[in-house]
């Protein structure tokens, strides 16, 4: 009976904290999905030493910027050319 009186409130408090943390994370994730994210920018250095800023976009962001749907068949990456002797 004493164990129940000691450990019961402790487990209840820890459970309550876990639920609150879960709800806060869920609300933060929902808020992040509602706001359109900015395109990620990175700087790429080319072999000749020049640096250019590149925007990384999702297909949805590209469609929003273009104002029209993307051509899905043109999006496929080309097959790499096989190098070497045949």
Protein backbone atom coordinates (compact mmCIF):
# COMPACT_ATOMS: atom_id res chain seq x y z
CA UNK A 1 0.00 0.00 0.00
CA UNK A 2 2.87 2.34 0.78
CA UNK A 3 4.43 1.66 -2.63
CA UNK A 4 1.18 2.68 -4.30
CA UNK A 5 1.14 5.95 -2.36
CA UNK A 6 4.79 6.67 -3.23
CA UNK A 7 5.06 5.50 -6.83
CA UNK A 8 1.51 6.34 -7.98
CA UNK A 9 1.91 10.16 -7.96
CA UNK A 10 5.42 9.88 -9.46
CA UNK A 11 4.20 7.76 -12.38
CA UNK A 12 1.18 10.03 -12.81
CA UNK A 13 3.40 13.13 -12.97
CA UNK A 14 5.82 11.54 -15.45
CA UNK A 15 2.91 10.39 -17.63
CA UNK A 16 1.39 13.87 -17.56
CA UNK A 17 4.74 15.41 -18.61
CA UNK A 18 5.07 12.92 -21.48
CA UNK A 19 1.58 13.79 -22.75
CA UNK A 20 2.30 17.53 -22.56
CA UNK A 21 5.57 17.08 -24.47
CA UNK A 22 3.76 15.02 -27.13
CA UNK A 23 1.04 17.67 -27.54
CA UNK A 24 3.59 20.48 -27.82
CA UNK A 25 5.54 18.60 -30.50
CA UNK A 26 2.33 17.78 -32.40
CA UNK A 27 1.27 21.45 -32.35
CA UNK A 28 4.71 22.58 -33.50
CA UNK A 29 4.65 20.11 -36.40
CA UNK A 30 1.17 21.25 -37.44
CA UNK A 31 2.26 24.90 -37.37
CA UNK A 32 5.35 24.11 -39.47
CA UNK A 33 3.24 22.36 -42.10
CA UNK A 34 0.82 25.28 -42.35
CA UNK A 35 3.54 27.81 -43.11
CA UNK A 36 5.18 27.45 -46.51
CA UNK A 37 8.86 26.91 -45.97
CA UNK A 38 11.40 29.12 -47.63
CA UNK A 39 13.62 27.52 -50.26
CA UNK A 40 16.89 26.28 -48.84
CA UNK A 41 19.91 28.17 -50.13
CA UNK A 42 23.42 26.81 -50.43
CA UNK A 43 26.59 27.97 -52.14
CA UNK A 44 28.21 25.68 -54.69
CA UNK A 45 31.85 26.05 -55.74
CA UNK A 46 32.53 25.03 -59.34
CA UNK A 47 35.84 23.54 -60.57
CA UNK A 48 36.90 26.89 -62.03
CA UNK A 49 36.66 28.45 -58.55
CA UNK A 50 33.48 30.46 -59.05
CA UNK A 51 30.78 30.25 -56.41
CA UNK A 52 27.05 30.38 -57.12
CA UNK A 53 24.06 30.38 -54.80
CA UNK A 54 21.64 27.53 -55.51
CA UNK A 55 18.01 27.31 -54.33
CA UNK A 56 16.76 23.85 -53.46
CA UNK A 57 13.02 23.63 -54.14
CA UNK A 58 10.42 20.96 -53.64
CA UNK A 59 8.23 20.23 -56.67
CA UNK A 60 5.34 21.99 -54.93
CA UNK A 61 7.43 25.14 -54.37
CA UNK A 62 8.54 25.10 -58.02
CA UNK A 63 4.95 24.80 -59.22
CA UNK A 64 3.94 27.67 -56.96
CA UNK A 65 6.78 29.87 -58.27
CA UNK A 66 6.08 29.00 -61.91
CA UNK A 67 2.32 29.25 -61.58
CA UNK A 68 1.78 26.05 -63.58
CA UNK A 69 2.27 22.31 -63.08
CA UNK A 70 5.69 20.85 -63.75
CA UNK A 71 6.34 18.52 -66.66
CA UNK A 72 6.76 15.27 -64.74
CA UNK A 73 8.30 13.32 -67.65
CA UNK A 74 11.08 15.90 -68.04
CA UNK A 75 11.89 15.72 -64.34
CA UNK A 76 13.38 12.24 -64.50
CA UNK A 77 17.14 12.25 -64.09
CA UNK A 78 19.06 11.07 -67.15
CA UNK A 79 20.84 7.77 -66.97
CA UNK A 80 24.57 8.20 -66.34
CA UNK A 81 26.75 7.50 -69.35
CA UNK A 82 28.82 4.42 -68.94
CA UNK A 83 32.44 5.41 -68.97
CA UNK A 84 35.32 3.15 -69.79
CA UNK A 85 36.31 0.76 -72.52
CA UNK A 86 33.76 -1.59 -74.06
